[in-house]
Amino acid sequence: MLGILSAGIAPGLALLSFFYLKDEYEAEPIPYVLRTFIYGALLVFPIMFVQHVLNVENLIKSEFVDAFLSSGMFEEFFKWFILYYIIYKNVEFDEPFDGIVYGASVSLGFATTENIFYLVSNGIEHAISRALLPVSSHALFGVIMGFYLGKAKFTEGLKAKYVIIALILPVVLHGFYDYILISQEYWVYIILPFMVFLWWLGLRKVKMAKILSAKHFNKPYPVQKTLHS
C-alpha cells in the first residue's frame, strides 16, 4: 500500500514543483499552494458522486456526452469554481503567473487523489502510464485555466472574457482528451500527438504568464511575444 501511495502522489508533487519553480518573480507561500492542492484533492469526492449517479441512472447516452459533460464539464467546472471563488480574490494571488501555480495546484490535487484510487483498484503497474497521461493532462488543463484567470485579474478590461475562456478552453480540451481515450480503437496513435500539443500549449502559456508578470513588476523579460492569445 505504501508503494501505491508513493506512486500515486509522486507525479502530482513533481509536476507541481516544476510549475512552482517556474515563478521567477515572487514565489507563492508553500502552505497556501498546498492548501489549494488539498482543495483539489477533496473535489474528487463530490465529482465521483455526481458521475456515479449519472451512470447508475443511465443518463449518459453517448461517448461524446460522457467525455464532454461527465468528465470535461464537471471536473473542470469544479476546479474553476475553486480557483475563481476562493483563490482569485485572495491577496496571495498578486501577479499573473500566480494563476499558473494555483491552477496547476488545484488540478494536481484532483489528479493525485484520482490517481491513488485508480492504482489501488487496478495495480501499481499502471503508475507510469497514469503519470504520463491523466496526471500530466490535468496539470496542463489547470495551467491553461490559471493563465486566463491571471490574465483576467491583471488586465484592464475584458475581464469577463478571460474568466469565461478560463472555464471553456479546459472543458473543451479535457473533453477531447477523454473522447479520444473512450471512443477510438487505436487511441494511442491519437493521444500521443494530442499530449504533445497540450504540452506545447501549456508551456507557451507559462512563458506568456512570465512576460505578463515581468510587465506587472516593471522588470525586463528577454523574450518579447504577443500577449493577445
Protein backbone atom coordinates (compact mmCIF):
# COMPACT_ATOMS: atom_id res chain seq x y z
CA MET A 1 0.00 0.00 0.00
CA LEU A 2 2.88 2.38 0.77
CA GLY A 3 4.23 1.77 -2.75
CA ILE A 4 0.87 2.58 -4.31
CA LEU A 5 0.51 5.75 -2.25
CA SER A 6 4.01 6.85 -3.23
CA ALA A 7 3.42 6.09 -6.91
CA GLY A 8 0.07 7.90 -6.76
CA ILE A 9 1.38 11.04 -5.08
CA ALA A 10 4.83 11.45 -6.64
CA PRO A 11 3.81 12.56 -10.18
CA GLY A 12 1.48 15.25 -8.87
CA LEU A 13 4.03 16.70 -6.47
CA ALA A 14 6.78 16.54 -9.12
CA LEU A 15 4.69 18.46 -11.65
CA LEU A 16 3.53 20.95 -9.03
CA SER A 17 7.17 21.58 -8.09
CA PHE A 18 8.04 22.05 -11.77
CA PHE A 19 5.44 24.77 -12.29
CA TYR A 20 6.04 26.34 -8.86
CA LEU A 21 9.75 26.77 -9.61
CA LYS A 22 8.91 28.50 -12.90
CA ASP A 23 7.76 31.54 -10.90
CA GLU A 24 10.75 33.86 -11.22
CA TYR A 25 9.44 36.99 -9.53
CA GLU A 26 7.58 36.36 -6.27
CA ALA A 27 7.17 32.76 -5.11
CA GLU A 28 3.83 31.83 -3.57
CA PRO A 29 3.64 30.76 0.10
CA ILE A 30 4.06 26.98 0.11
CA PRO A 31 1.34 26.43 2.79
CA TYR A 32 -1.21 28.25 0.62
CA VAL A 33 -0.17 26.32 -2.50
CA LEU A 34 -0.55 23.06 -0.56
CA ARG A 35 -3.94 24.20 0.73
CA THR A 36 -5.04 24.73 -2.85
CA PHE A 37 -3.71 21.25 -3.68
CA ILE A 38 -5.88 19.84 -0.87
CA TYR A 39 -8.94 21.72 -2.18
CA GLY A 40 -8.41 19.95 -5.50
CA ALA A 41 -7.91 16.59 -3.79
CA LEU A 42 -11.23 16.94 -1.94
CA LEU A 43 -13.07 17.81 -5.16
CA VAL A 44 -12.77 14.18 -6.24
CA PHE A 45 -15.47 13.07 -3.82
CA PRO A 46 -18.45 15.23 -4.92
CA ILE A 47 -17.47 14.76 -8.57
CA MET A 48 -17.27 10.97 -8.19
CA PHE A 49 -20.70 11.02 -6.56
CA VAL A 50 -22.25 13.03 -9.41
CA GLN A 51 -20.61 10.81 -12.03
CA HIS A 52 -21.79 7.69 -10.19
CA VAL A 53 -25.38 8.96 -10.15
CA LEU A 54 -25.24 9.75 -13.88
CA ASN A 55 -24.03 6.20 -14.60
CA VAL A 56 -26.49 4.46 -12.28
CA GLU A 57 -29.44 6.42 -13.67
CA ASN A 58 -28.19 5.73 -17.20
CA LEU A 59 -28.28 9.44 -18.05
CA ILE A 60 -25.15 9.29 -20.20
CA LYS A 61 -26.34 8.15 -23.62
CA SER A 62 -23.21 8.57 -25.72
CA GLU A 63 -19.43 8.58 -25.51
CA PHE A 64 -19.40 12.22 -26.62
CA VAL A 65 -21.65 13.28 -23.74
CA ASP A 66 -19.63 11.16 -21.34
CA ALA A 67 -16.38 12.80 -22.41
CA PHE A 68 -17.53 16.43 -22.60
CA LEU A 69 -20.17 16.54 -19.86
CA SER A 70 -19.45 13.87 -17.25
CA SER A 71 -15.67 14.34 -17.37
CA GLY A 72 -14.81 17.60 -19.10
CA MET A 73 -17.54 19.90 -17.82
CA PHE A 74 -18.00 18.60 -14.27
CA GLU A 75 -14.33 18.22 -13.44
CA GLU A 76 -13.14 21.48 -14.96
CA PHE A 77 -16.11 23.48 -13.65
CA PHE A 78 -15.43 22.48 -10.04
CA LYS A 79 -11.74 23.32 -10.41
CA TRP A 80 -12.64 26.66 -11.99
CA PHE A 81 -15.12 27.32 -9.19
CA ILE A 82 -12.45 26.82 -6.51
CA LEU A 83 -9.95 28.97 -8.38
CA TYR A 84 -12.34 31.80 -9.15
CA TYR A 85 -14.36 31.99 -5.94
CA ILE A 86 -11.68 31.11 -3.38
CA ILE A 87 -8.22 31.75 -4.86
CA TYR A 88 -8.80 34.55 -7.37
CA LYS A 89 -9.68 37.20 -4.77
CA ASN A 90 -7.05 36.17 -2.23
CA VAL A 91 -4.24 38.64 -1.54
CA GLU A 92 -1.68 35.92 -2.31
CA PHE A 93 -2.83 35.99 -5.95
CA ASP A 94 -0.81 39.11 -6.67
CA GLU A 95 0.77 38.59 -10.10
CA PRO A 96 -0.29 36.99 -13.41
CA PHE A 97 1.96 33.93 -13.03
CA ASP A 98 0.19 33.01 -9.78
CA GLY A 99 -2.69 31.75 -11.89
CA ILE A 100 -0.36 29.10 -13.34
CA VAL A 101 0.77 27.97 -9.87
CA TYR A 102 -2.70 27.80 -8.34
CA GLY A 103 -4.30 26.33 -11.46
CA ALA A 104 -1.71 23.55 -11.53
CA SER A 105 -2.07 23.05 -7.77
CA VAL A 106 -5.84 22.53 -7.67
CA SER A 107 -5.76 20.33 -10.78
CA LEU A 108 -2.91 18.20 -9.49
CA GLY A 109 -4.63 17.78 -6.14
CA PHE A 110 -7.61 16.38 -8.00
CA ALA A 111 -5.43 14.23 -10.27
CA THR A 112 -3.44 12.85 -7.34
CA THR A 113 -6.47 11.61 -5.40
CA GLU A 114 -7.96 10.17 -8.58
CA ASN A 115 -4.62 8.51 -9.36
CA ILE A 116 -4.38 6.87 -5.94
CA PHE A 117 -7.89 5.43 -6.26
CA TYR A 118 -7.09 4.09 -9.71
CA LEU A 119 -3.84 2.44 -8.65
CA VAL A 120 -5.49 0.88 -5.58
CA SER A 121 -8.17 -0.62 -7.84
CA ASN A 122 -6.03 -1.61 -10.83
CA GLY A 123 -2.47 -2.07 -9.62
CA ILE A 124 0.82 -0.20 -9.41
CA GLU A 125 1.84 -1.45 -12.86
CA HIS A 126 -0.26 1.39 -14.31
CA ALA A 127 1.69 4.08 -12.45
CA ILE A 128 3.86 5.23 -15.38
CA SER A 129 1.04 5.48 -17.92
CA ARG A 130 -1.11 7.30 -15.35
CA ALA A 131 1.69 9.80 -14.68
CA LEU A 132 2.26 10.45 -18.39
CA LEU A 133 -1.40 10.80 -19.37
CA PRO A 134 -4.10 11.63 -16.78
CA VAL A 135 -1.89 13.37 -14.21
CA SER A 136 0.00 15.38 -16.83
CA SER A 137 -3.15 16.33 -18.71
CA HIS A 138 -4.87 17.54 -15.53
CA ALA A 139 -1.83 19.66 -14.74
CA LEU A 140 -1.91 21.26 -18.18
CA PHE A 141 -5.66 21.89 -18.06
CA GLY A 142 -5.02 23.68 -14.77
CA VAL A 143 -2.12 25.68 -16.21
CA ILE A 144 -4.29 26.89 -19.10
CA MET A 145 -7.18 27.70 -16.75
CA GLY A 146 -4.87 29.55 -14.38
CA PHE A 147 -3.23 31.53 -17.18
CA TYR A 148 -6.54 33.04 -18.26
CA LEU A 149 -7.61 33.77 -14.68
CA GLY A 150 -4.29 35.51 -14.12
CA LYS A 151 -4.81 37.48 -17.30
CA ALA A 152 -8.35 38.37 -16.20
CA LYS A 153 -7.19 39.68 -12.84
CA PHE A 154 -4.32 41.80 -14.09
CA THR A 155 -5.53 43.01 -17.48
CA GLU A 156 -7.61 46.15 -17.77
CA GLY A 157 -10.93 45.50 -19.47
CA LEU A 158 -12.33 42.27 -20.94
CA LYS A 159 -12.04 40.53 -17.54
CA ALA A 160 -15.28 38.58 -18.07
CA LYS A 161 -13.97 37.35 -21.42
CA TYR A 162 -10.85 35.82 -19.87
CA VAL A 163 -12.77 34.35 -16.92
CA ILE A 164 -15.08 32.57 -19.38
CA ILE A 165 -12.16 31.35 -21.52
CA ALA A 166 -10.55 30.03 -18.31
CA LEU A 167 -13.50 27.65 -18.00
CA ILE A 168 -14.43 26.88 -21.61
CA LEU A 169 -10.99 26.10 -23.05
CA PRO A 170 -10.04 23.48 -20.39
CA VAL A 171 -13.51 21.90 -20.72
CA VAL A 172 -13.06 21.55 -24.48
CA LEU A 173 -9.51 20.20 -24.20
CA HIS A 174 -10.49 17.79 -21.43
CA GLY A 175 -13.48 16.65 -23.45
CA PHE A 176 -11.33 15.89 -26.50
CA TYR A 177 -8.80 14.08 -24.31
CA ASP A 178 -11.45 11.79 -22.81
CA TYR A 179 -13.25 11.31 -26.12
CA ILE A 180 -10.03 10.06 -27.73
CA LEU A 181 -9.50 7.55 -24.93
CA ILE A 182 -13.03 6.14 -24.80
CA SER A 183 -14.07 6.23 -28.45
CA GLN A 184 -11.02 5.38 -30.52
CA GLU A 185 -9.84 1.79 -31.03
CA TYR A 186 -6.29 2.92 -31.77
CA TRP A 187 -6.38 5.76 -29.25
CA VAL A 188 -2.65 5.62 -28.51
CA TYR A 189 -1.82 6.95 -32.02
CA ILE A 190 -4.07 9.97 -31.43
CA ILE A 191 -3.44 10.68 -27.76
CA LEU A 192 0.33 10.97 -28.17
CA PRO A 193 0.25 13.90 -30.64
CA PHE A 194 -2.60 15.40 -28.60
CA MET A 195 -0.40 15.32 -25.47
CA VAL A 196 2.48 16.90 -27.40
CA PHE A 197 0.12 19.69 -28.46
CA LEU A 198 -1.16 20.04 -24.89
CA TRP A 199 2.37 20.35 -23.50
CA TRP A 200 3.24 22.88 -26.20
CA LEU A 201 0.17 24.95 -25.37
CA GLY A 202 0.69 24.70 -21.61
CA LEU A 203 4.37 25.70 -21.76
CA ARG A 204 3.51 28.54 -24.12
CA LYS A 205 1.05 29.85 -21.53
CA VAL A 206 3.76 29.53 -18.86
CA LYS A 207 6.09 31.68 -20.97
CA MET A 208 3.37 34.22 -21.67
CA ALA A 209 2.47 34.40 -17.96
CA LYS A 210 6.12 35.15 -17.19
CA ILE A 211 6.00 38.03 -19.65
CA LEU A 212 2.84 39.36 -18.01
CA SER A 213 4.41 39.09 -14.56
CA ALA A 214 7.56 40.86 -15.73
CA LYS A 215 5.38 43.66 -17.06
CA HIS A 216 3.40 43.70 -13.80
CA PHE A 217 6.60 44.19 -11.76
CA ASN A 218 8.16 46.52 -14.35
CA LYS A 219 11.03 44.12 -14.92
CA PRO A 220 12.67 43.18 -18.23
CA TYR A 221 11.94 39.86 -19.87
CA PRO A 222 14.22 38.61 -22.66
CA VAL A 223 11.54 37.20 -24.95
CA GLN A 224 9.03 39.62 -26.38
CA LYS A 225 5.96 37.93 -27.78
CA THR A 226 2.38 38.93 -28.29
CA LEU A 227 0.20 38.83 -25.18
CA HIS A 228 -3.08 38.73 -27.06
CA SER A 229 -3.79 34.99 -27.16
